[in-house]
Amino acid sequence: MALRFTAGEPGVSCTLEGEGSNRVGKYVPAAAARVAPKKGAWGAQPREKADVEEERPRKSHKKGGAPGPPVDRRPSLAVLFATTPQTVGVVHKCGSVKAARDKCIGLADEKECAVRVSSEVGDGVLFPPVSDAAQDMLHRAVQCKAVPPPGRDPPVPQHVVVVAIDAPTAKKRPWAPRVLGFATAKSAATYALHAYRTAGARLSSLEWHAFDGAGSEAVPRMHLQGATGAFNASYAIADIAALDAASKAP
């Protein structure tokens, strides 16, 4: 049987002619059939680089990624100062520094309002929170195990005294030490009585607020106008005798 090859489509097929060729038919190489996609199929179309990149598996950032920002859970106070000598300010208890700052939006910092964090040393002056940058650096140092994690922040004090004293010779600082926190009513009354007796004519105002219940806003217990030396009779501590008695309570 005489057979001869004739070329079909270049690189794709060939035919056999001659006796028996009608039985042999047209052969398509198996390799070409496996590799070449069908015409019109998705795989036969030109693909953009972005499409290829999109199919590559993405690396997960859940493990070994950069640590996120620290969760702000520092107990704080938002103190809104009185607008007139005849009124008292407002003291809010907040669960974070951000929440306290939100209470003070629109007010002049340290003039019309102040944000203070709980003290780790007990009764006394309450300080402004450290900057966000310093807090982030501490968080990173803890993540790297360069320093031990800080202890749990103490809760806000139950009693807050807000005092304004004319002290021109005092050390100049960007914040005024006029917000103080106390754990008990006796210690708050003792300080208020001390400020009343020692500041004299330099005392502009003296307020005592207490978180008596579960609310987030403290209740005023005393308000003294330093210029007149008069107590506001609307509150529990209505005169110097009541303040003295509170300082001596068991």
C-alpha atoms as a PDB file:
ATOM      1  CA  MET A   1       0.000   0.000   0.000  1.00  0.00           C
ATOM      2  CA  ALA A   2       1.476   3.272  -1.168  1.00  0.00           C
ATOM      3  CA  LEU A   3       0.978   6.196   1.117  1.00  0.00           C
ATOM      4  CA  ARG A   4       2.226   9.698   0.995  1.00  0.00           C
ATOM      5  CA  PHE A   5       2.014  12.605   3.442  1.00  0.00           C
ATOM      6  CA  THR A   6       0.611  15.961   2.544  1.00  0.00           C
ATOM      7  CA  ALA A   7       0.887  18.960   4.807  1.00  0.00           C
ATOM      8  CA  GLY A   8      -2.176  20.180   6.574  1.00  0.00           C
ATOM      9  CA  GLU A   9      -2.286  23.279   8.729  1.00  0.00           C
ATOM     10  CA  PRO A  10       1.262  24.154   9.772  1.00  0.00           C
ATOM     11  CA  GLY A  11       2.184  22.520  13.079  1.00  0.00           C
ATOM     12  CA  VAL A  12      -1.305  21.237  13.695  1.00  0.00           C
ATOM     13  CA  SER A  13      -2.313  18.387  11.348  1.00  0.00           C
ATOM     14  CA  CYS A  14      -1.236  16.175   8.499  1.00  0.00           C
ATOM     15  CA  THR A  15      -3.067  13.893   6.023  1.00  0.00           C
ATOM     16  CA  LEU A  16      -2.276  10.628   4.367  1.00  0.00           C
ATOM     17  CA  GLU A  17      -3.133  10.154   0.732  1.00  0.00           C
ATOM     18  CA  GLY A  18      -3.223   6.978  -1.293  1.00  0.00           C
ATOM     19  CA  GLU A  19      -4.744   3.559  -0.859  1.00  0.00           C
ATOM     20  CA  GLY A  20      -6.563   3.249   2.381  1.00  0.00           C
ATOM     21  CA  SER A  21      -6.182   6.891   3.166  1.00  0.00           C
ATOM     22  CA  ASN A  22      -9.926   7.282   3.466  1.00  0.00           C
ATOM     23  CA  ARG A  23      -9.793   4.828   6.326  1.00  0.00           C
ATOM     24  CA  VAL A  24      -6.798   6.450   7.998  1.00  0.00           C
ATOM     25  CA  GLY A  25      -8.313   9.938   7.838  1.00  0.00           C
ATOM     26  CA  LYS A  26      -6.866  13.055   9.270  1.00  0.00           C
ATOM     27  CA  TYR A  27      -4.559  12.863  12.280  1.00  0.00           C
ATOM     28  CA  VAL A  28      -4.214  15.634  14.824  1.00  0.00           C
ATOM     29  CA  PRO A  29      -1.149  15.276  17.012  1.00  0.00           C
ATOM     30  CA  ALA A  30      -2.095  14.465  20.591  1.00  0.00           C
ATOM     31  CA  ALA A  31       0.310  16.977  22.076  1.00  0.00           C
ATOM     32  CA  ALA A  32      -1.190  19.810  20.098  1.00  0.00           C
ATOM     33  CA  ALA A  33      -4.695  18.810  21.184  1.00  0.00           C
ATOM     34  CA  ARG A  34      -3.702  18.849  24.819  1.00  0.00           C
ATOM     35  CA  VAL A  35      -1.884  22.172  24.713  1.00  0.00           C
ATOM     36  CA  ALA A  36      -3.839  24.352  22.328  1.00  0.00           C
ATOM     37  CA  PRO A  37      -7.076  25.800  23.770  1.00  0.00           C
ATOM     38  CA  LYS A  38     -10.238  25.735  21.775  1.00  0.00           C
ATOM     39  CA  LYS A  39     -10.898  28.724  19.634  1.00  0.00           C
ATOM     40  CA  GLY A  40     -12.990  31.248  21.477  1.00  0.00           C
ATOM     41  CA  ALA A  41     -12.264  29.709  24.873  1.00  0.00           C
ATOM     42  CA  TRP A  42     -11.267  31.982  27.761  1.00  0.00           C
ATOM     43  CA  GLY A  43      -7.793  30.510  27.944  1.00  0.00           C
ATOM     44  CA  ALA A  44      -7.156  31.346  24.311  1.00  0.00           C
ATOM     45  CA  GLN A  45      -7.656  35.062  24.830  1.00  0.00           C
ATOM     46  CA  PRO A  46      -4.742  37.389  25.650  1.00  0.00           C
ATOM     47  CA  ARG A  47      -4.563  38.058  29.389  1.00  0.00           C
ATOM     48  CA  GLU A  48      -3.525  41.222  31.123  1.00  0.00           C
ATOM     49  CA  LYS A  49      -0.794  41.161  33.741  1.00  0.00           C
ATOM     50  CA  ALA A  50      -3.228  42.448  36.335  1.00  0.00           C
ATOM     51  CA  ASP A  51      -5.479  39.441  35.742  1.00  0.00           C
ATOM     52  CA  VAL A  52      -2.606  37.070  36.349  1.00  0.00           C
ATOM     53  CA  GLU A  53      -1.554  38.905  39.479  1.00  0.00           C
ATOM     54  CA  GLU A  54      -5.113  38.764  40.771  1.00  0.00           C
ATOM     55  CA  GLU A  55      -5.134  34.961  40.577  1.00  0.00           C
ATOM     56  CA  ARG A  56      -2.020  34.535  42.644  1.00  0.00           C
ATOM     57  CA  PRO A  57      -2.692  33.587  46.250  1.00  0.00           C
ATOM     58  CA  ARG A  58      -2.485  36.541  48.581  1.00  0.00           C
ATOM     59  CA  LYS A  59      -0.412  36.468  51.730  1.00  0.00           C
ATOM     60  CA  SER A  60      -2.368  36.560  54.905  1.00  0.00           C
ATOM     61  CA  HIS A  61      -1.616  39.378  57.334  1.00  0.00           C
ATOM     62  CA  LYS A  62      -3.275  37.664  60.249  1.00  0.00           C
ATOM     63  CA  LYS A  63      -0.029  36.028  61.309  1.00  0.00           C
ATOM     64  CA  GLY A  64       3.252  37.835  61.623  1.00  0.00           C
ATOM     65  CA  GLY A  65       1.844  41.185  60.510  1.00  0.00           C
ATOM     66  CA  ALA A  66       2.609  44.543  62.057  1.00  0.00           C
ATOM     67  CA  PRO A  67       0.854  45.083  65.411  1.00  0.00           C
ATOM     68  CA  GLY A  68      -2.200  47.302  65.294  1.00  0.00           C
ATOM     69  CA  PRO A  69      -2.638  50.498  67.281  1.00  0.00           C
ATOM     70  CA  PRO A  70      -3.064  50.134  71.039  1.00  0.00           C
ATOM     71  CA  VAL A  71      -6.593  49.884  72.339  1.00  0.00           C
ATOM     72  CA  ASP A  72      -7.286  53.008  74.378  1.00  0.00           C
ATOM     73  CA  ARG A  73      -8.865  51.961  77.664  1.00  0.00           C
ATOM     74  CA  ARG A  74      -7.402  54.522  80.057  1.00  0.00           C
ATOM     75  CA  PRO A  75     -10.034  55.696  82.571  1.00  0.00           C
ATOM     76  CA  SER A  76     -10.317  59.452  82.152  1.00  0.00           C
ATOM     77  CA  LEU A  77     -12.167  62.550  83.266  1.00  0.00           C
ATOM     78  CA  ALA A  78     -13.604  65.277  81.071  1.00  0.00           C
ATOM     79  CA  VAL A  79     -13.847  68.448  83.150  1.00  0.00           C
ATOM     80  CA  LEU A  80     -15.888  71.299  81.710  1.00  0.00           C
ATOM     81  CA  PHE A  81     -15.022  74.401  83.689  1.00  0.00           C
ATOM     82  CA  ALA A  82     -17.702  76.805  84.923  1.00  0.00           C
ATOM     83  CA  THR A  83     -18.545  79.605  82.531  1.00  0.00           C
ATOM     84  CA  THR A  84     -19.388  82.149  85.249  1.00  0.00           C
ATOM     85  CA  PRO A  85     -18.412  82.536  88.929  1.00  0.00           C
ATOM     86  CA  GLN A  86     -22.003  81.815  89.943  1.00  0.00           C
ATOM     87  CA  THR A  87     -22.131  78.389  88.257  1.00  0.00           C
ATOM     88  CA  VAL A  88     -20.271  75.111  88.670  1.00  0.00           C
ATOM     89  CA  GLY A  89     -18.557  73.037  86.040  1.00  0.00           C
ATOM     90  CA  VAL A  90     -19.390  69.526  84.909  1.00  0.00           C
ATOM     91  CA  VAL A  91     -17.228  66.434  85.478  1.00  0.00           C
ATOM     92  CA  HIS A  92     -17.727  63.374  83.269  1.00  0.00           C
ATOM     93  CA  LYS A  93     -16.317  59.888  83.839  1.00  0.00           C
ATOM     94  CA  CYS A  94     -15.121  58.295  80.583  1.00  0.00           C
ATOM     95  CA  GLY A  95     -13.765  54.881  79.646  1.00  0.00           C
ATOM     96  CA  SER A  96     -11.019  56.203  77.379  1.00  0.00           C
ATOM     97  CA  VAL A  97      -9.031  59.328  76.613  1.00  0.00           C
ATOM     98  CA  LYS A  98     -10.760  59.624  73.243  1.00  0.00           C
ATOM     99  CA  ALA A  99     -14.177  59.570  74.880  1.00  0.00           C
ATOM    100  CA  ALA A 100     -13.074  62.320  77.268  1.00  0.00           C
ATOM    101  CA  ARG A 101     -11.725  64.415  74.406  1.00  0.00           C
ATOM    102  CA  ASP A 102     -14.973  63.991  72.521  1.00  0.00           C
ATOM    103  CA  LYS A 103     -16.780  65.538  75.493  1.00  0.00           C
ATOM    104  CA  CYS A 104     -14.561  68.607  75.144  1.00  0.00           C
ATOM    105  CA  ILE A 105     -14.981  69.152  71.397  1.00  0.00           C
ATOM    106  CA  GLY A 106     -15.444  72.832  70.628  1.00  0.00           C
ATOM    107  CA  LEU A 107     -13.973  74.051  73.932  1.00  0.00           C
ATOM    108  CA  ALA A 108     -10.584  75.631  74.533  1.00  0.00           C
ATOM    109  CA  ASP A 109      -8.229  73.116  76.122  1.00  0.00           C
ATOM    110  CA  GLU A 110      -7.122  74.000  79.670  1.00  0.00           C
ATOM    111  CA  LYS A 111      -9.182  77.192  79.586  1.00  0.00           C
ATOM    112  CA  GLU A 112     -12.715  75.958  79.123  1.00  0.00           C
ATOM    113  CA  CYS A 113     -12.121  72.243  79.657  1.00  0.00           C
ATOM    114  CA  ALA A 114      -9.509  69.700  80.672  1.00  0.00           C
ATOM    115  CA  VAL A 115      -8.889  65.975  80.165  1.00  0.00           C
ATOM    116  CA  ARG A 116      -7.302  64.106  83.047  1.00  0.00           C
ATOM    117  CA  VAL A 117      -6.343  60.460  83.584  1.00  0.00           C
ATOM    118  CA  SER A 118      -6.465  58.469  86.783  1.00  0.00           C
ATOM    119  CA  SER A 119      -3.525  58.774  89.134  1.00  0.00           C
ATOM    120  CA  GLU A 120      -1.361  55.776  89.976  1.00  0.00           C
ATOM    121  CA  VAL A 121      -0.111  57.312  93.215  1.00  0.00           C
ATOM    122  CA  GLY A 122      -3.425  57.898  94.933  1.00  0.00           C
ATOM    123  CA  ASP A 123      -4.949  61.185  96.054  1.00  0.00           C
ATOM    124  CA  GLY A 124      -3.708  64.431  94.580  1.00  0.00           C
ATOM    125  CA  VAL A 125      -3.330  66.341  91.359  1.00  0.00           C
ATOM    126  CA  LEU A 126      -4.564  64.617  88.218  1.00  0.00           C
ATOM    127  CA  PHE A 127      -2.393  64.933  85.122  1.00  0.00           C
ATOM    128  CA  PRO A 128      -3.210  65.235  81.426  1.00  0.00           C
ATOM    129  CA  PRO A 129      -2.790  62.043  79.372  1.00  0.00           C
ATOM    130  CA  VAL A 130       0.492  61.435  77.587  1.00  0.00           C
ATOM    131  CA  SER A 131       0.537  62.203  73.886  1.00  0.00           C
ATOM    132  CA  ASP A 132      -0.723  59.673  71.363  1.00  0.00           C
ATOM    133  CA  ALA A 133       2.830  59.360  69.989  1.00  0.00           C
ATOM    134  CA  ALA A 134       4.212  58.447  73.409  1.00  0.00           C
ATOM    135  CA  GLN A 135       1.406  55.956  73.960  1.00  0.00           C
ATOM    136  CA  ASP A 136       2.131  54.340  70.583  1.00  0.00           C
ATOM    137  CA  MET A 137       5.862  54.092  71.370  1.00  0.00           C
ATOM    138  CA  LEU A 138       5.070  52.356  74.654  1.00  0.00           C
ATOM    139  CA  HIS A 139       2.778  49.946  72.839  1.00  0.00           C
ATOM    140  CA  ARG A 140       5.484  49.083  70.320  1.00  0.00           C
ATOM    141  CA  ALA A 141       8.059  48.579  73.063  1.00  0.00           C
ATOM    142  CA  VAL A 142       5.723  46.158  74.817  1.00  0.00           C
ATOM    143  CA  GLN A 143       5.091  44.307  71.542  1.00  0.00           C
ATOM    144  CA  CYS A 144       8.849  43.917  71.063  1.00  0.00           C
ATOM    145  CA  LYS A 145       9.194  42.776  74.693  1.00  0.00           C
ATOM    146  CA  ALA A 146      11.619  45.609  75.379  1.00  0.00           C
ATOM    147  CA  VAL A 147       9.613  46.609  78.445  1.00  0.00           C
ATOM    148  CA  PRO A 148       7.031  44.719  80.500  1.00  0.00           C
ATOM    149  CA  PRO A 149       3.383  45.542  79.837  1.00  0.00           C
ATOM    150  CA  PRO A 150       1.992  48.258  82.090  1.00  0.00           C
ATOM    151  CA  GLY A 151      -0.310  47.318  84.909  1.00  0.00           C
ATOM    152  CA  ARG A 152      -4.020  47.852  84.830  1.00  0.00           C
ATOM    153  CA  ASP A 153      -4.999  51.514  84.949  1.00  0.00           C
ATOM    154  CA  PRO A 154      -6.695  52.537  88.193  1.00  0.00           C
ATOM    155  CA  PRO A 155     -10.327  53.667  88.011  1.00  0.00           C
ATOM    156  CA  VAL A 156     -11.197  57.316  88.077  1.00  0.00           C
ATOM    157  CA  PRO A 157     -11.420  58.762  91.604  1.00  0.00           C
ATOM    158  CA  GLN A 158     -14.809  58.934  93.252  1.00  0.00           C
ATOM    159  CA  HIS A 159     -14.299  62.531  94.386  1.00  0.00           C
ATOM    160  CA  VAL A 160     -12.993  65.375  92.242  1.00  0.00           C
ATOM    161  CA  VAL A 161     -12.024  68.821  93.489  1.00  0.00           C
ATOM    162  CA  VAL A 162     -11.683  71.646  90.972  1.00  0.00           C
ATOM    163  CA  VAL A 163      -9.905  74.694  92.326  1.00  0.00           C
ATOM    164  CA  ALA A 164      -8.833  78.010  90.819  1.00  0.00           C
ATOM    165  CA  ILE A 165      -6.163  79.936  92.694  1.00  0.00           C
ATOM    166  CA  ASP A 166      -4.516  83.151  91.547  1.00  0.00           C
ATOM    167  CA  ALA A 167      -0.841  82.203  91.625  1.00  0.00           C
ATOM    168  CA  PRO A 168       1.222  84.548  89.424  1.00  0.00           C
ATOM    169  CA  THR A 169       4.524  83.217  90.755  1.00  0.00           C
ATOM    170  CA  ALA A 170       3.686  79.562  90.149  1.00  0.00           C
ATOM    171  CA  LYS A 171       5.643  77.500  87.655  1.00  0.00           C
ATOM    172  CA  LYS A 172       4.467  78.094  84.119  1.00  0.00           C
ATOM    173  CA  ARG A 173       3.223  74.966  82.368  1.00  0.00           C
ATOM    174  CA  PRO A 174       0.878  74.242  79.462  1.00  0.00           C
ATOM    175  CA  TRP A 175      -1.701  72.831  81.867  1.00  0.00           C
ATOM    176  CA  ALA A 176      -2.976  73.992  85.241  1.00  0.00           C
ATOM    177  CA  PRO A 177      -2.890  71.719  88.328  1.00  0.00           C
ATOM    178  CA  ARG A 178      -6.446  72.631  89.263  1.00  0.00           C
ATOM    179  CA  VAL A 179      -8.118  69.188  89.037  1.00  0.00           C
ATOM    180  CA  LEU A 180      -7.513  66.819  91.950  1.00  0.00           C
ATOM    181  CA  GLY A 181      -8.846  63.341  92.647  1.00  0.00           C
ATOM    182  CA  PHE A 182      -9.569  61.633  95.969  1.00  0.00           C
ATOM    183  CA  ALA A 183     -10.693  58.151  96.916  1.00  0.00           C
ATOM    184  CA  THR A 184     -12.848  59.161  99.882  1.00  0.00           C
ATOM    185  CA  ALA A 185     -15.100  62.038 100.870  1.00  0.00           C
ATOM    186  CA  LYS A 186     -12.981  62.688 103.953  1.00  0.00           C
ATOM    187  CA  SER A 187      -9.786  63.214 101.962  1.00  0.00           C
ATOM    188  CA  ALA A 188     -11.584  65.483  99.462  1.00  0.00           C
ATOM    189  CA  ALA A 189     -13.048  67.568 102.292  1.00  0.00           C
ATOM    190  CA  THR A 190      -9.663  67.796 104.026  1.00  0.00           C
ATOM    191  CA  TYR A 191      -8.027  69.216 100.908  1.00  0.00           C
ATOM    192  CA  ALA A 192     -10.898  71.617 100.212  1.00  0.00           C
ATOM    193  CA  LEU A 193     -10.679  72.943 103.768  1.00  0.00           C
ATOM    194  CA  HIS A 194      -6.900  73.309 103.442  1.00  0.00           C
ATOM    195  CA  ALA A 195      -7.237  75.263 100.177  1.00  0.00           C
ATOM    196  CA  TYR A 196      -9.909  77.503 101.697  1.00  0.00           C
ATOM    197  CA  ARG A 197      -7.753  78.362 104.715  1.00  0.00           C
ATOM    198  CA  THR A 198      -4.401  78.812 102.998  1.00  0.00           C
ATOM    199  CA  ALA A 199      -5.265  80.466  99.663  1.00  0.00           C
ATOM    200  CA  GLY A 200      -7.223  83.272 101.247  1.00  0.00           C
ATOM    201  CA  ALA A 201      -7.942  86.140  98.866  1.00  0.00           C
ATOM    202  CA  ARG A 202      -6.135  84.320  96.046  1.00  0.00           C
ATOM    203  CA  LEU A 203      -8.855  81.644  95.916  1.00  0.00           C
ATOM    204  CA  SER A 204     -11.117  82.293  92.944  1.00  0.00           C
ATOM    205  CA  SER A 205     -13.377  79.240  93.150  1.00  0.00           C
ATOM    206  CA  LEU A 206     -13.566  75.829  94.776  1.00  0.00           C
ATOM    207  CA  GLU A 207     -15.790  72.962  93.643  1.00  0.00           C
ATOM    208  CA  TRP A 208     -16.253  69.430  94.963  1.00  0.00           C
ATOM    209  CA  HIS A 209     -17.890  66.808  92.736  1.00  0.00           C
ATOM    210  CA  ALA A 210     -18.654  63.191  93.638  1.00  0.00           C
ATOM    211  CA  PHE A 211     -19.653  60.097  91.678  1.00  0.00           C
ATOM    212  CA  ASP A 212     -22.264  58.934  94.147  1.00  0.00           C
ATOM    213  CA  GLY A 213     -24.133  56.539  91.857  1.00  0.00           C
ATOM    214  CA  ALA A 214     -23.573  54.560  88.711  1.00  0.00           C
ATOM    215  CA  GLY A 215     -23.918  57.569  86.419  1.00  0.00           C
ATOM    216  CA  SER A 216     -21.108  58.980  84.330  1.00  0.00           C
ATOM    217  CA  GLU A 217     -21.641  62.576  85.495  1.00  0.00           C
ATOM    218  CA  ALA A 218     -20.495  63.622  88.949  1.00  0.00           C
ATOM    219  CA  VAL A 219     -22.851  65.356  91.364  1.00  0.00           C
ATOM    220  CA  PRO A 220     -21.710  68.717  92.799  1.00  0.00           C
ATOM    221  CA  ARG A 221     -21.393  68.609  96.594  1.00  0.00           C
ATOM    222  CA  MET A 222     -19.870  72.035  97.213  1.00  0.00           C
ATOM    223  CA  HIS A 223     -19.307  75.320  95.446  1.00  0.00           C
ATOM    224  CA  LEU A 224     -17.427  78.220  96.968  1.00  0.00           C
ATOM    225  CA  GLN A 225     -16.978  81.580  95.253  1.00  0.00           C
ATOM    226  CA  GLY A 226     -13.603  82.765  96.383  1.00  0.00           C
ATOM    227  CA  ALA A 227     -14.239  86.414  95.596  1.00  0.00           C
ATOM    228  CA  THR A 228     -17.151  86.609  98.013  1.00  0.00           C
ATOM    229  CA  GLY A 229     -16.315  83.682 100.275  1.00  0.00           C
ATOM    230  CA  ALA A 230     -19.906  82.512  99.937  1.00  0.00           C
ATOM    231  CA  PHE A 231     -20.975  78.873  99.753  1.00  0.00           C
ATOM    232  CA  ASN A 232     -23.750  77.813  97.418  1.00  0.00           C
ATOM    233  CA  ALA A 233     -26.552  76.700  99.740  1.00  0.00           C
ATOM    234  CA  SER A 234     -28.007  74.432  97.056  1.00  0.00           C
ATOM    235  CA  TYR A 235     -25.395  71.738  97.699  1.00  0.00           C
ATOM    236  CA  ALA A 236     -24.688  69.337 100.579  1.00  0.00           C
ATOM    237  CA  ILE A 237     -21.710  71.341 101.879  1.00  0.00           C
ATOM    238  CA  ALA A 238     -23.399  74.711 102.382  1.00  0.00           C
ATOM    239  CA  ASP A 239     -20.981  76.404 104.812  1.00  0.00           C
ATOM    240  CA  ILE A 240     -17.547  76.151 106.399  1.00  0.00           C
ATOM    241  CA  ALA A 241     -18.945  74.236 109.402  1.00  0.00           C
ATOM    242  CA  ALA A 242     -20.257  71.477 107.134  1.00  0.00           C
ATOM    243  CA  LEU A 243     -16.906  71.297 105.314  1.00  0.00           C
ATOM    244  CA  ASP A 244     -15.029  71.052 108.606  1.00  0.00           C
ATOM    245  CA  ALA A 245     -17.360  68.281 109.797  1.00  0.00           C
ATOM    246  CA  ALA A 246     -16.833  66.351 106.558  1.00  0.00           C
ATOM    247  CA  SER A 247     -13.068  66.506 107.014  1.00  0.00           C
ATOM    248  CA  LYS A 248     -13.408  64.965 110.490  1.00  0.00           C
ATOM    249  CA  ALA A 249     -15.786  62.187 109.529  1.00  0.00           C
ATOM    250  CA  PRO A 250     -14.599  58.630 110.312  1.00  0.00           C
END
